[in-house]
Amino acid sequence: MTAYSPAEAAARSGFSIDTLRYYEREGILSPVARTAGGRRVYSDDDLSMLDFLRCLRDTGMPIERLRRYGELCRDPQTVPERIALLREHADAVEQQIEQLHRWRARLGEKLAWYHDQASADTTATHG
């Protein structure tokens, strides 16, 4: 098993050391192993979980749901609940994507209008 210091775990995960501590304190991340001196030592499994937590966070999952997901992951009997939580979040992400497509279309319409206006202005001054 590879062991990573907090600084290495932060660098590999993209989270700050403060965020790593916060995630552990809030139960989002399982308690991290410690050295005899009390320093945190992150495992490959911890980094794998952090990678998925990054995915969830980057897709807008609220902190309370991240916390719930972390809690569920500590109990192997909660696979159906994890599926339900992730399905619900995937549905929310899909709705966000659809909204972004609508906003992009609206921006495209406005850009086309401005391009038409700019072309008309150029034609009027050079025609």
C-alpha atoms as a PDB file:
ATOM      1  CA  MET A   1       0.000   0.000   0.000  1.00  0.00           C
ATOM      2  CA  THR A   2       1.318   3.409  -0.944  1.00  0.00           C
ATOM      3  CA  ALA A   3       1.093   6.080   1.743  1.00  0.00           C
ATOM      4  CA  TYR A   4       0.798   9.775   0.958  1.00  0.00           C
ATOM      5  CA  SER A   5       1.454  12.731   3.206  1.00  0.00           C
ATOM      6  CA  PRO A   6      -1.238  15.406   3.450  1.00  0.00           C
ATOM      7  CA  ALA A   7       0.760  17.590   1.055  1.00  0.00           C
ATOM      8  CA  GLU A   8       1.062  14.737  -1.471  1.00  0.00           C
ATOM      9  CA  ALA A   9      -2.628  13.897  -1.122  1.00  0.00           C
ATOM     10  CA  ALA A  10      -3.524  17.551  -1.637  1.00  0.00           C
ATOM     11  CA  ALA A  11      -1.324  17.787  -4.734  1.00  0.00           C
ATOM     12  CA  ARG A  12      -2.680  14.559  -6.220  1.00  0.00           C
ATOM     13  CA  SER A  13      -6.337  15.289  -5.426  1.00  0.00           C
ATOM     14  CA  GLY A  14      -6.391  18.980  -6.250  1.00  0.00           C
ATOM     15  CA  PHE A  15      -7.946  19.754  -2.875  1.00  0.00           C
ATOM     16  CA  SER A  16      -6.246  21.975  -0.342  1.00  0.00           C
ATOM     17  CA  ILE A  17      -4.968  20.455   2.886  1.00  0.00           C
ATOM     18  CA  ASP A  18      -7.676  22.437   4.701  1.00  0.00           C
ATOM     19  CA  THR A  19     -10.345  20.860   2.464  1.00  0.00           C
ATOM     20  CA  LEU A  20      -8.950  17.385   3.134  1.00  0.00           C
ATOM     21  CA  ARG A  21      -9.202  18.015   6.880  1.00  0.00           C
ATOM     22  CA  TYR A  22     -12.689  19.489   6.477  1.00  0.00           C
ATOM     23  CA  TYR A  23     -13.893  16.494   4.447  1.00  0.00           C
ATOM     24  CA  GLU A  24     -12.601  14.124   7.109  1.00  0.00           C
ATOM     25  CA  ARG A  25     -14.049  16.180   9.978  1.00  0.00           C
ATOM     26  CA  GLU A  26     -17.463  16.413   8.270  1.00  0.00           C
ATOM     27  CA  GLY A  27     -17.596  12.694   7.499  1.00  0.00           C
ATOM     28  CA  ILE A  28     -17.381  13.202   3.745  1.00  0.00           C
ATOM     29  CA  LEU A  29     -14.110  11.269   3.729  1.00  0.00           C
ATOM     30  CA  SER A  30     -13.639   8.278   6.020  1.00  0.00           C
ATOM     31  CA  PRO A  31     -11.233   8.798   8.911  1.00  0.00           C
ATOM     32  CA  VAL A  32      -7.717   8.813   7.513  1.00  0.00           C
ATOM     33  CA  ALA A  33      -5.014   6.553   8.958  1.00  0.00           C
ATOM     34  CA  ARG A  34      -2.466   8.183  11.225  1.00  0.00           C
ATOM     35  CA  THR A  35       1.172   7.578  11.948  1.00  0.00           C
ATOM     36  CA  ALA A  36       2.320   6.806  15.479  1.00  0.00           C
ATOM     37  CA  GLY A  37       3.015  10.540  15.736  1.00  0.00           C
ATOM     38  CA  GLY A  38      -0.565  11.395  14.764  1.00  0.00           C
ATOM     39  CA  ARG A  39       0.096  12.643  11.229  1.00  0.00           C
ATOM     40  CA  ARG A  40      -2.458  11.771   8.566  1.00  0.00           C
ATOM     41  CA  VAL A  41      -1.407   9.197   5.984  1.00  0.00           C
ATOM     42  CA  TYR A  42      -3.579   8.896   2.874  1.00  0.00           C
ATOM     43  CA  SER A  43      -3.923   5.632   0.955  1.00  0.00           C
ATOM     44  CA  ASP A  44      -4.635   4.896  -2.693  1.00  0.00           C
ATOM     45  CA  ASP A  45      -8.233   4.172  -1.639  1.00  0.00           C
ATOM     46  CA  ASP A  46      -8.445   7.606   0.000  1.00  0.00           C
ATOM     47  CA  LEU A  47      -7.148   9.223  -3.194  1.00  0.00           C
ATOM     48  CA  SER A  48      -9.620   7.253  -5.280  1.00  0.00           C
ATOM     49  CA  MET A  49     -12.464   8.475  -3.068  1.00  0.00           C
ATOM     50  CA  LEU A  50     -11.138  12.036  -3.269  1.00  0.00           C
ATOM     51  CA  ASP A  51     -11.046  11.779  -7.055  1.00  0.00           C
ATOM     52  CA  PHE A  52     -14.719  10.823  -7.129  1.00  0.00           C
ATOM     53  CA  LEU A  53     -15.592  13.492  -4.555  1.00  0.00           C
ATOM     54  CA  ARG A  54     -13.895  16.018  -6.859  1.00  0.00           C
ATOM     55  CA  CYS A  55     -16.135  14.809  -9.699  1.00  0.00           C
ATOM     56  CA  LEU A  56     -19.235  15.163  -7.537  1.00  0.00           C
ATOM     57  CA  ARG A  57     -18.219  18.579  -6.245  1.00  0.00           C
ATOM     58  CA  ASP A  58     -17.306  19.840  -9.711  1.00  0.00           C
ATOM     59  CA  THR A  59     -20.743  18.814 -10.955  1.00  0.00           C
ATOM     60  CA  GLY A  60     -22.363  20.910  -8.254  1.00  0.00           C
ATOM     61  CA  MET A  61     -23.284  18.330  -5.640  1.00  0.00           C
ATOM     62  CA  PRO A  62     -24.177  20.219  -2.452  1.00  0.00           C
ATOM     63  CA  ILE A  63     -22.017  19.625   0.617  1.00  0.00           C
ATOM     64  CA  GLU A  64     -24.843  17.935   2.526  1.00  0.00           C
ATOM     65  CA  ARG A  65     -25.170  15.348  -0.252  1.00  0.00           C
ATOM     66  CA  LEU A  66     -21.395  14.871  -0.349  1.00  0.00           C
ATOM     67  CA  ARG A  67     -21.601  14.227   3.382  1.00  0.00           C
ATOM     68  CA  ARG A  68     -24.440  11.731   2.914  1.00  0.00           C
ATOM     69  CA  TYR A  69     -22.524   9.945   0.165  1.00  0.00           C
ATOM     70  CA  GLY A  70     -19.444   9.715   2.414  1.00  0.00           C
ATOM     71  CA  GLU A  71     -21.557   8.285   5.226  1.00  0.00           C
ATOM     72  CA  LEU A  72     -23.151   5.728   2.913  1.00  0.00           C
ATOM     73  CA  CYS A  73     -19.768   4.588   1.608  1.00  0.00           C
ATOM     74  CA  ARG A  74     -18.770   3.436   5.082  1.00  0.00           C
ATOM     75  CA  ASP A  75     -21.528   0.819   5.114  1.00  0.00           C
ATOM     76  CA  PRO A  76     -21.299  -1.914   2.454  1.00  0.00           C
ATOM     77  CA  GLN A  77     -25.045  -2.561   2.801  1.00  0.00           C
ATOM     78  CA  THR A  78     -25.939   0.880   1.385  1.00  0.00           C
ATOM     79  CA  VAL A  79     -25.293   0.278  -2.311  1.00  0.00           C
ATOM     80  CA  PRO A  80     -28.977   0.839  -3.236  1.00  0.00           C
ATOM     81  CA  GLU A  81     -28.995   4.154  -1.340  1.00  0.00           C
ATOM     82  CA  ARG A  82     -25.769   5.229  -3.042  1.00  0.00           C
ATOM     83  CA  ILE A  83     -27.253   4.364  -6.427  1.00  0.00           C
ATOM     84  CA  ALA A  84     -30.360   6.424  -5.612  1.00  0.00           C
ATOM     85  CA  LEU A  85     -28.287   9.401  -4.438  1.00  0.00           C
ATOM     86  CA  LEU A  86     -26.052   9.301  -7.518  1.00  0.00           C
ATOM     87  CA  ARG A  87     -29.040   8.813  -9.861  1.00  0.00           C
ATOM     88  CA  GLU A  88     -30.745  11.835  -8.334  1.00  0.00           C
ATOM     89  CA  HIS A  89     -27.590  13.887  -8.776  1.00  0.00           C
ATOM     90  CA  ALA A  90     -27.111  12.659 -12.356  1.00  0.00           C
ATOM     91  CA  ASP A  91     -30.673  13.804 -13.090  1.00  0.00           C
ATOM     92  CA  ALA A  92     -29.893  17.224 -11.604  1.00  0.00           C
ATOM     93  CA  VAL A  93     -26.735  17.451 -13.728  1.00  0.00           C
ATOM     94  CA  GLU A  94     -28.760  16.563 -16.833  1.00  0.00           C
ATOM     95  CA  GLN A  95     -31.187  19.373 -16.047  1.00  0.00           C
ATOM     96  CA  GLN A  96     -28.241  21.773 -15.654  1.00  0.00           C
ATOM     97  CA  ILE A  97     -26.872  20.679 -19.029  1.00  0.00           C
ATOM     98  CA  GLU A  98     -30.246  21.273 -20.676  1.00  0.00           C
ATOM     99  CA  GLN A  99     -30.418  24.732 -19.090  1.00  0.00           C
ATOM    100  CA  LEU A 100     -26.903  25.530 -20.297  1.00  0.00           C
ATOM    101  CA  HIS A 101     -27.898  24.519 -23.840  1.00  0.00           C
ATOM    102  CA  ARG A 102     -30.873  26.895 -23.659  1.00  0.00           C
ATOM    103  CA  TRP A 103     -28.650  29.713 -22.409  1.00  0.00           C
ATOM    104  CA  ARG A 104     -26.068  29.014 -25.125  1.00  0.00           C
ATOM    105  CA  ALA A 105     -28.791  29.157 -27.777  1.00  0.00           C
ATOM    106  CA  ARG A 106     -29.994  32.497 -26.380  1.00  0.00           C
ATOM    107  CA  LEU A 107     -26.447  33.858 -26.412  1.00  0.00           C
ATOM    108  CA  GLY A 108     -26.101  32.700 -30.018  1.00  0.00           C
ATOM    109  CA  GLU A 109     -29.258  34.584 -30.943  1.00  0.00           C
ATOM    110  CA  LYS A 110     -27.954  37.761 -29.309  1.00  0.00           C
ATOM    111  CA  LEU A 111     -24.557  37.407 -30.981  1.00  0.00           C
ATOM    112  CA  ALA A 112     -26.224  36.962 -34.377  1.00  0.00           C
ATOM    113  CA  TRP A 113     -28.297  40.083 -33.759  1.00  0.00           C
ATOM    114  CA  TYR A 114     -25.160  42.070 -32.874  1.00  0.00           C
ATOM    115  CA  HIS A 115     -23.332  40.766 -35.942  1.00  0.00           C
ATOM    116  CA  ASP A 116     -26.275  41.840 -38.113  1.00  0.00           C
ATOM    117  CA  GLN A 117     -26.207  45.282 -36.483  1.00  0.00           C
ATOM    118  CA  ALA A 118     -22.454  45.602 -37.002  1.00  0.00           C
ATOM    119  CA  SER A 119     -22.780  44.564 -40.645  1.00  0.00           C
ATOM    120  CA  ALA A 120     -25.595  47.057 -41.192  1.00  0.00           C
ATOM    121  CA  ASP A 121     -23.508  49.823 -39.610  1.00  0.00           C
ATOM    122  CA  THR A 122     -20.515  48.973 -41.806  1.00  0.00           C
ATOM    123  CA  THR A 123     -22.691  48.912 -44.946  1.00  0.00           C
ATOM    124  CA  ALA A 124     -24.296  52.229 -44.050  1.00  0.00           C
ATOM    125  CA  THR A 125     -20.962  54.000 -43.533  1.00  0.00           C
ATOM    126  CA  HIS A 126     -19.195  52.476 -46.563  1.00  0.00           C
ATOM    127  CA  GLY A 127     -22.111  52.166 -48.987  1.00  0.00           C
END
